[in-house]
Amino acid sequence: MIILAGTVRIGTGKRDAALAPMREMVAATRAEAGCVQYSFAFDLHDDHVVHIFEVFTDAAALASHRGSAHMAKWRAYTAELGLRDRDMAEYQVSDWQKI
């Protein structure tokens, strides 16, 4: 299992403009084979910081996600939304349990 977690910052005043493309990206990604979890959440203290949490079953599923049409479309939005300060980490998980 692969977990990706981190944050990005959207441009000042771009929060509302980001909502529709973010919803589209989340819905399309959650429908992918191998996607276990995928979410965006605005920070409670700074509504220009977006927390990102992703879980994929394996490297093939993540590679497929990265090469998807909706990912390319999302990347095209990043300049328009002023995305910057990307701070993401990837974790390879060999074991887990639900608590």
Protein backbone atom coordinates (compact mmCIF):
# COMPACT_ATOMS: atom_id res chain seq x y z
CA MET A 1 0.00 0.00 0.00
CA ILE A 2 1.19 3.52 -0.79
CA ILE A 3 0.13 6.60 1.17
CA LEU A 4 0.73 10.16 -0.03
CA ALA A 5 0.07 13.02 2.34
CA GLY A 6 0.85 16.70 2.42
CA THR A 7 -0.30 20.17 1.53
CA VAL A 8 -0.47 22.72 -1.27
CA ARG A 9 -1.33 26.39 -1.13
CA ILE A 10 -3.81 27.94 -3.55
CA GLY A 11 -3.65 31.56 -4.66
CA THR A 12 -5.25 34.31 -2.62
CA GLY A 13 -8.94 34.59 -3.46
CA LYS A 14 -8.93 31.33 -5.47
CA ARG A 15 -10.64 29.09 -2.91
CA ASP A 16 -14.10 29.24 -4.49
CA ALA A 17 -12.67 28.76 -7.98
CA ALA A 18 -10.82 25.66 -6.75
CA LEU A 19 -13.90 23.85 -5.43
CA ALA A 20 -15.37 22.53 -8.69
CA PRO A 21 -12.07 21.24 -10.15
CA MET A 22 -11.17 19.71 -6.78
CA ARG A 23 -14.51 17.91 -6.54
CA GLU A 24 -14.09 16.65 -10.10
CA MET A 25 -10.57 15.40 -9.36
CA VAL A 26 -11.61 13.64 -6.16
CA ALA A 27 -14.61 11.92 -7.79
CA ALA A 28 -12.60 10.73 -10.80
CA THR A 29 -9.71 9.48 -8.67
CA ARG A 30 -11.96 7.64 -6.21
CA ALA A 31 -13.40 5.73 -9.19
CA GLU A 32 -9.95 4.45 -10.24
CA ALA A 33 -9.01 0.83 -9.74
CA GLY A 34 -6.54 0.66 -6.87
CA CYS A 35 -7.60 3.90 -5.19
CA VAL A 36 -8.38 3.20 -1.54
CA GLN A 37 -8.75 6.81 -0.36
CA TYR A 38 -8.36 10.23 -1.94
CA SER A 39 -9.29 13.53 -0.35
CA PHE A 40 -8.66 17.26 -0.28
CA ALA A 41 -9.50 19.36 2.79
CA PHE A 42 -9.08 23.06 3.44
CA ASP A 43 -7.15 23.95 6.59
CA LEU A 44 -9.31 25.31 9.42
CA HIS A 45 -6.87 28.13 10.16
CA ASP A 46 -5.83 29.07 6.61
CA ASP A 47 -8.36 28.60 3.83
CA HIS A 48 -5.63 28.77 1.19
CA VAL A 49 -3.90 25.62 2.47
CA VAL A 50 -5.25 22.33 1.15
CA HIS A 51 -4.44 19.06 2.90
CA ILE A 52 -4.14 16.10 0.54
CA PHE A 53 -4.43 12.46 1.58
CA GLU A 54 -4.14 9.58 -0.90
CA VAL A 55 -3.98 5.80 -0.51
CA PHE A 56 -3.34 3.43 -3.41
CA THR A 57 -3.06 -0.36 -3.35
CA ASP A 58 0.28 -0.47 -5.16
CA ALA A 59 2.77 1.28 -7.42
CA ALA A 60 0.87 0.28 -10.57
CA ALA A 61 -2.32 1.93 -9.30
CA LEU A 62 -0.42 5.09 -8.37
CA ALA A 63 1.32 5.18 -11.77
CA SER A 64 -2.04 4.79 -13.50
CA HIS A 65 -3.43 7.67 -11.43
CA ARG A 66 -0.47 9.90 -12.27
CA GLY A 67 -0.97 9.18 -15.98
CA SER A 68 -4.74 9.62 -16.00
CA ALA A 69 -6.63 12.17 -18.09
CA HIS A 70 -8.16 13.75 -14.99
CA MET A 71 -4.71 14.20 -13.45
CA ALA A 72 -3.56 15.99 -16.63
CA LYS A 73 -6.65 18.18 -16.46
CA TRP A 74 -5.95 18.94 -12.78
CA ARG A 75 -2.36 19.89 -13.59
CA ALA A 76 -3.68 22.33 -16.20
CA TYR A 77 -5.72 24.05 -13.47
CA THR A 78 -2.77 24.51 -11.13
CA ALA A 79 -1.45 27.68 -12.75
CA GLU A 80 -4.94 29.20 -12.91
CA LEU A 81 -5.50 28.44 -9.23
CA GLY A 82 -2.05 29.69 -8.23
CA LEU A 83 -1.02 26.36 -6.65
CA ARG A 84 2.35 26.61 -4.94
CA ASP A 85 4.26 25.48 -1.84
CA ARG A 86 3.61 21.82 -2.61
CA ASP A 87 4.80 19.72 0.33
CA MET A 88 4.00 16.04 -0.19
CA ALA A 89 5.48 12.80 1.14
CA GLU A 90 5.09 9.24 -0.09
CA TYR A 91 5.00 6.34 2.35
CA GLN A 92 5.41 2.67 1.45
CA VAL A 93 3.30 0.68 3.91
CA SER A 94 3.96 -3.01 4.35
CA ASP A 95 1.42 -3.67 7.09
CA TRP A 96 -1.59 -1.90 8.59
CA GLN A 97 -4.63 -2.58 10.69
CA LYS A 98 -7.87 -0.77 11.24
CA ILE A 99 -8.24 0.65 14.76
